[in-house]
Amino acid sequence: MRPYPLATTVLVLGVMLAVQPGPRAIAAADEPSLLQIDNDFVQAAAKHDKATVGRLLDTDFTWTDADGKTQARTDVLKSLPAPALGNETGAQLKPRTYGQVGAVMSGRDKVHVLRIWVKRPAGWRLIVYHEVALGQQAATAPGFGVNDCQNPCKTVPFKPKTEAQQAIIASWQALETGVTNHDASAWSPHIAEEFVMLGSTNDHPMSKADRIATLNLQKQTGHGSAPAPLVSAQMFDFGDAVVMTCLHQPYSGKPVHVSRLWIKRDGHWVMSISYQTTIQAAPAQAS
C-alpha cells in the first residue's frame, strides 16, 4: 500500500525536528500546521496574492528585503515586494518552535530568509519576514579603536516594558560586553546551543561554535570587536519567547537592521536567532 502523503510529510518533519539541537517545541501536532501556513504565505507572496498574504500578517509585521529596506504591514500590502527566493523551489527549510513562536529559516545558495510566526487567538500570524544575502556587504572592523563599549554594553536607547524585556536587555548587554572583551566564556552563557547568525557581511551562517572561534581568534590578534551601537528597538513578548527587531549604526559603514529571537531556557534568557542585513540605500558613516 502506498503511504499517505500527509503521513509521510509528518514523519519527515518529525525527523527534521529531532535533529534540531535544543529548541523546546510545542506539541508535535501543531508543527505541520505552522509549516502549512508558512508554505501558504510563500506561495501567495510568490504569486503576488495580496489578499491571502494580508490574512496571514500580524498587525506588527515588518518585511526586510536583502537590501535592508524595512516596511510595515500597511506599506507591504500597498505594493507587495518580490520575495528573494520566489516560491522557494529547492530551498532548504529549517523550522523551530518555541511555545507561542515559530521560526522558519529558508535558504538557497547565498540567499536566506527568516520568517517568525506568532500564535494569536486566530492562529499563526507572521510578524517578521527578513532576507539576508550572504557576503553582499564587505566586512569592516567593528568598533576599531573603540576600547569602551557604552552602547549597548552599559546603556541603550530602549526602555523595557516588561520583566522579560528587562532581563533580555541585561543578558544582551552581558554578551555584548563579552564580545567587546573577546571573552567567549562571558558571551556563551547568553547564547542558545542552536544559535545561528546570518549577516550581509558573513559568507556563511555562523553557529555558536563559529562565534566562539571568532572571539578566541580576536583575543589572540587584538582585533577590535566593539558591537554596533543601538539606534532603536522593539520587543514583542510571547511567553517564554520574545521577538526583537533593531536598528544599529556601526562605528563605520552603513546601518544594519537586525531581527533577533530570544527564548527563556532553564530560567535564563538566551539568544537563539540573529539575522542582520545592511541597509544599502543608507549613507555610510565615516570611521
Protein backbone atom coordinates (compact mmCIF):
# COMPACT_ATOMS: atom_id res chain seq x y z
CA MET A 1 0.00 0.00 0.00
CA ARG A 2 1.30 3.41 -0.90
CA PRO A 3 1.89 5.64 2.16
CA TYR A 4 -0.49 8.53 2.60
CA PRO A 5 1.42 11.73 1.57
CA LEU A 6 0.49 13.71 4.70
CA ALA A 7 1.70 10.93 6.97
CA THR A 8 4.98 10.87 5.11
CA THR A 9 5.29 14.62 5.48
CA VAL A 10 4.70 14.44 9.24
CA LEU A 11 7.22 11.59 9.58
CA VAL A 12 9.89 13.52 7.68
CA LEU A 13 9.16 16.64 9.72
CA GLY A 14 9.49 14.62 12.92
CA VAL A 15 12.95 13.51 11.85
CA MET A 16 13.91 17.09 10.99
CA LEU A 17 12.82 18.36 14.39
CA ALA A 18 14.54 15.51 16.19
CA VAL A 19 17.93 16.59 14.91
CA GLN A 20 17.41 20.23 15.84
CA PRO A 21 19.54 20.77 18.98
CA GLY A 22 17.87 22.47 21.88
CA PRO A 23 14.54 24.05 20.83
CA ARG A 24 11.67 23.27 23.15
CA ALA A 25 8.96 22.59 20.67
CA ILE A 26 5.24 22.97 21.10
CA ALA A 27 3.07 19.89 20.63
CA ALA A 28 4.12 17.96 17.53
CA ALA A 29 0.60 18.18 16.13
CA ASP A 30 0.94 21.98 15.87
CA GLU A 31 4.11 21.90 13.77
CA PRO A 32 2.61 20.69 10.46
CA SER A 33 0.01 23.47 10.68
CA LEU A 34 2.81 26.01 11.09
CA LEU A 35 4.70 24.67 8.08
CA GLN A 36 1.50 24.51 6.06
CA ILE A 37 0.59 28.11 6.79
CA ASP A 38 4.20 29.14 6.13
CA ASN A 39 4.01 27.47 2.74
CA ASP A 40 0.66 29.17 2.09
CA PHE A 41 2.37 32.51 2.69
CA VAL A 42 5.36 31.67 0.49
CA GLN A 43 3.19 30.61 -2.44
CA ALA A 44 0.84 33.59 -2.07
CA ALA A 45 3.74 36.06 -1.91
CA ALA A 46 5.35 34.49 -4.99
CA LYS A 47 2.04 34.83 -6.87
CA HIS A 48 1.57 38.40 -5.64
CA ASP A 49 -1.67 37.36 -3.91
CA LYS A 50 -2.21 40.33 -1.60
CA ALA A 51 -5.50 39.05 -0.19
CA THR A 52 -4.02 35.78 1.08
CA VAL A 53 -0.82 37.46 2.29
CA GLY A 54 -2.82 40.10 4.14
CA ARG A 55 -4.80 37.48 6.07
CA LEU A 56 -1.56 35.93 7.35
CA LEU A 57 0.25 39.08 8.52
CA ASP A 58 0.34 40.21 12.13
CA THR A 59 -0.54 43.84 12.87
CA ASP A 60 3.09 44.41 13.96
CA PHE A 61 4.51 42.76 10.82
CA THR A 62 7.65 44.06 9.09
CA TRP A 63 9.31 42.97 5.82
CA THR A 64 13.06 43.48 5.44
CA ASP A 65 14.46 42.75 2.00
CA ALA A 66 18.01 41.71 1.09
CA ASP A 67 19.00 45.38 0.65
CA GLY A 68 17.88 46.19 4.19
CA LYS A 69 14.74 48.11 3.26
CA THR A 70 12.18 47.54 6.01
CA GLN A 71 8.46 48.12 5.50
CA ALA A 72 5.48 47.84 7.83
CA ARG A 73 2.35 45.82 7.08
CA THR A 74 0.41 48.70 5.51
CA ASP A 75 3.18 49.56 3.04
CA VAL A 76 3.77 45.91 2.15
CA LEU A 77 0.13 45.41 1.26
CA LYS A 78 0.10 48.55 -0.87
CA SER A 79 2.90 47.20 -3.02
CA LEU A 80 3.86 43.60 -2.25
CA PRO A 81 7.64 43.13 -2.55
CA ALA A 82 9.01 40.28 -4.66
CA PRO A 83 10.36 37.53 -2.34
CA ALA A 84 14.08 36.94 -2.85
CA LEU A 85 13.56 33.17 -3.06
CA GLY A 86 10.37 33.26 -5.14
CA ASN A 87 8.23 30.19 -4.41
CA GLU A 88 11.29 28.64 -2.69
CA THR A 89 11.65 25.68 -5.02
CA GLY A 90 14.81 23.85 -3.99
CA ALA A 91 15.24 25.90 -0.80
CA GLN A 92 16.25 24.20 2.45
CA LEU A 93 13.76 24.70 5.29
CA LYS A 94 14.75 24.70 8.96
CA PRO A 95 11.73 25.07 11.28
CA ARG A 96 11.88 25.71 15.00
CA THR A 97 9.12 26.24 17.54
CA TYR A 98 9.31 27.84 20.97
CA GLY A 99 5.93 27.86 22.65
CA GLN A 100 3.89 30.63 21.05
CA VAL A 101 6.59 31.48 18.49
CA GLY A 102 7.66 29.57 15.41
CA ALA A 103 10.65 30.37 13.20
CA VAL A 104 11.10 29.06 9.68
CA MET A 105 14.51 29.62 8.12
CA SER A 106 14.74 29.08 4.37
CA GLY A 107 17.86 29.26 2.23
CA ARG A 108 19.19 28.61 -1.24
CA ASP A 109 22.80 29.39 -2.19
CA LYS A 110 23.66 32.76 -0.61
CA VAL A 111 20.10 34.00 -0.11
CA HIS A 112 18.36 33.27 3.18
CA VAL A 113 15.00 34.21 4.67
CA LEU A 114 13.79 34.20 8.27
CA ARG A 115 10.07 34.10 8.94
CA ILE A 116 8.93 34.44 12.56
CA TRP A 117 5.36 33.38 13.28
CA VAL A 118 3.46 34.12 16.49
CA LYS A 119 0.43 32.34 17.91
CA ARG A 120 -2.55 34.67 18.14
CA PRO A 121 -6.13 33.72 19.16
CA ALA A 122 -6.99 33.48 15.45
CA GLY A 123 -3.99 31.26 14.69
CA TRP A 124 -0.44 31.70 13.42
CA ARG A 125 0.41 35.18 12.15
CA LEU A 126 3.65 36.32 10.51
CA ILE A 127 5.39 39.09 12.47
CA VAL A 128 8.85 39.15 10.84
CA TYR A 129 9.98 38.47 7.28
CA HIS A 130 13.73 39.09 6.99
CA GLU A 131 16.01 38.45 4.00
CA VAL A 132 19.80 38.23 4.06
CA ALA A 133 22.13 37.92 1.07
CA LEU A 134 25.33 36.48 2.50
CA GLY A 135 28.51 38.31 1.54
CA GLN A 136 26.62 41.22 -0.04
CA GLN A 137 28.45 43.79 2.08
CA ALA A 138 32.20 43.85 2.68
CA ALA A 139 33.05 43.34 6.33
CA THR A 140 34.52 46.27 8.23
CA ALA A 141 36.38 46.27 11.53
CA PRO A 142 33.63 46.81 14.16
CA GLY A 143 34.50 49.41 16.72
CA PHE A 144 38.06 49.88 15.51
CA GLY A 145 39.89 51.98 18.08
CA VAL A 146 36.94 51.86 20.49
CA ASN A 147 38.03 50.30 23.77
CA ASP A 148 34.97 51.06 25.88
CA CYS A 149 31.53 49.90 24.81
CA GLN A 150 28.93 52.29 26.21
CA ASN A 151 26.03 51.49 23.87
CA PRO A 152 24.80 48.74 24.06
CA CYS A 153 27.04 47.32 26.82
CA LYS A 154 26.11 49.84 29.52
CA THR A 155 23.15 51.81 28.21
CA VAL A 156 20.64 51.51 25.38
CA PRO A 157 18.04 53.88 23.87
CA PHE A 158 15.24 51.50 24.78
CA LYS A 159 13.01 51.31 27.84
CA PRO A 160 11.89 47.77 28.70
CA LYS A 161 8.15 47.46 29.29
CA THR A 162 8.13 44.05 30.98
CA GLU A 163 10.23 41.99 33.35
CA ALA A 164 11.15 39.69 30.46
CA GLN A 165 12.37 42.60 28.35
CA GLN A 166 14.44 43.92 31.25
CA ALA A 167 16.06 40.50 31.70
CA ILE A 168 16.76 40.26 27.96
CA ILE A 169 18.46 43.65 27.89
CA ALA A 170 20.65 42.56 30.82
CA SER A 171 21.54 39.32 29.03
CA TRP A 172 22.24 41.16 25.79
CA GLN A 173 24.48 43.73 27.49
CA ALA A 174 26.44 40.95 29.18
CA LEU A 175 27.03 39.10 25.91
CA GLU A 176 28.00 42.29 24.06
CA THR A 177 30.47 43.08 26.84
CA GLY A 178 31.89 39.64 26.23
CA VAL A 179 32.18 40.45 22.52
CA THR A 180 33.98 43.72 23.28
CA ASN A 181 36.44 41.96 25.58
CA HIS A 182 36.92 38.96 23.25
CA ASP A 183 35.68 36.84 26.16
CA ALA A 184 33.91 33.75 24.82
CA SER A 185 33.24 32.43 28.33
CA ALA A 186 31.29 35.61 29.16
CA TRP A 187 29.42 35.56 25.82
CA SER A 188 28.49 31.87 25.69
CA PRO A 189 26.02 31.60 28.64
CA HIS A 190 23.69 34.07 26.92
CA ILE A 191 23.50 32.12 23.66
CA ALA A 192 21.36 29.07 22.88
CA GLU A 193 23.16 25.93 21.73
CA GLU A 194 21.21 26.00 18.45
CA PHE A 195 22.13 29.67 17.87
CA VAL A 196 22.59 30.83 14.30
CA MET A 197 23.60 34.24 12.97
CA LEU A 198 23.40 35.34 9.36
CA GLY A 199 24.55 38.73 8.09
CA SER A 200 25.26 40.70 4.94
CA THR A 201 28.96 40.76 5.88
CA ASN A 202 29.26 36.99 6.53
CA ASP A 203 29.87 34.46 3.78
CA HIS A 204 28.14 31.63 5.65
CA PRO A 205 25.70 31.10 8.54
CA MET A 206 27.55 31.24 11.85
CA SER A 207 26.85 28.80 14.67
CA LYS A 208 27.63 29.24 18.35
CA ALA A 209 30.89 27.32 17.85
CA ASP A 210 31.82 29.60 14.93
CA ARG A 211 31.31 32.73 17.01
CA ILE A 212 33.34 31.31 19.90
CA ALA A 213 36.17 30.54 17.49
CA THR A 214 36.00 34.09 16.13
CA LEU A 215 36.12 35.61 19.61
CA ASN A 216 39.09 33.44 20.54
CA LEU A 217 40.92 34.48 17.36
CA GLN A 218 40.18 38.16 18.04
CA LYS A 219 41.56 37.72 21.54
CA GLN A 220 44.81 36.38 20.11
CA THR A 221 45.15 39.06 17.45
CA GLY A 222 43.75 42.01 19.43
CA HIS A 223 41.30 42.68 16.57
CA GLY A 224 38.72 45.26 17.67
CA SER A 225 35.19 43.92 18.03
CA ALA A 226 33.07 46.52 19.84
CA PRO A 227 29.43 45.94 18.77
CA ALA A 228 27.49 48.45 16.71
CA PRO A 229 25.57 50.91 18.91
CA LEU A 230 21.80 50.51 19.08
CA VAL A 231 19.71 53.24 17.45
CA SER A 232 16.23 51.86 18.16
CA ALA A 233 14.49 48.63 19.10
CA GLN A 234 11.12 46.96 19.51
CA MET A 235 10.26 43.86 21.53
CA PHE A 236 7.21 41.63 21.33
CA ASP A 237 6.58 39.23 24.24
CA PHE A 238 5.07 35.78 23.73
CA GLY A 239 5.53 33.86 26.96
CA ASP A 240 8.97 32.25 27.01
CA ALA A 241 9.91 33.72 23.63
CA VAL A 242 10.47 37.36 22.69
CA VAL A 243 10.89 38.79 19.20
CA MET A 244 13.32 41.73 19.00
CA THR A 245 13.82 43.99 15.98
CA CYS A 246 16.59 46.59 15.98
CA LEU A 247 18.38 49.26 14.05
CA HIS A 248 22.14 49.54 14.64
CA GLN A 249 24.67 52.08 13.40
CA PRO A 250 28.22 50.68 13.28
CA TYR A 251 31.12 52.98 14.12
CA SER A 252 31.89 52.95 10.42
CA GLY A 253 29.80 51.88 7.44
CA LYS A 254 26.07 51.65 6.83
CA PRO A 255 23.34 50.98 9.39
CA VAL A 256 22.07 47.46 9.92
CA HIS A 257 18.58 46.08 10.52
CA VAL A 258 18.60 43.11 12.91
CA SER A 259 15.91 40.59 13.86
CA ARG A 260 16.57 38.50 16.97
CA LEU A 261 14.67 35.75 18.73
CA TRP A 262 15.17 35.28 22.47
CA ILE A 263 13.99 32.27 24.45
CA LYS A 264 13.77 31.55 28.16
CA ARG A 265 15.59 28.33 28.97
CA ASP A 266 16.27 26.99 32.47
CA GLY A 267 15.22 30.34 33.90
CA HIS A 268 17.59 32.40 31.74
CA TRP A 269 17.03 34.38 28.54
CA VAL A 270 19.30 33.35 25.67
CA MET A 271 19.53 34.44 22.05
CA SER A 272 18.53 31.77 19.54
CA ILE A 273 18.48 33.51 16.14
CA SER A 274 20.02 36.70 14.72
CA TYR A 275 19.56 37.91 11.13
CA GLN A 276 21.48 41.07 10.20
CA THR A 277 21.01 42.97 6.94
CA THR A 278 22.98 46.07 5.94
CA ILE A 279 20.79 48.94 4.69
CA GLN A 280 22.28 49.52 1.25
CA ALA A 281 20.40 52.75 0.49
CA ALA A 282 21.59 54.48 3.68
CA PRO A 283 24.72 56.66 3.78
CA ALA A 284 27.82 55.14 5.30
CA GLN A 285 29.21 56.61 8.49
CA ALA A 286 32.87 57.50 8.29
CA SER A 287 35.19 55.95 10.85
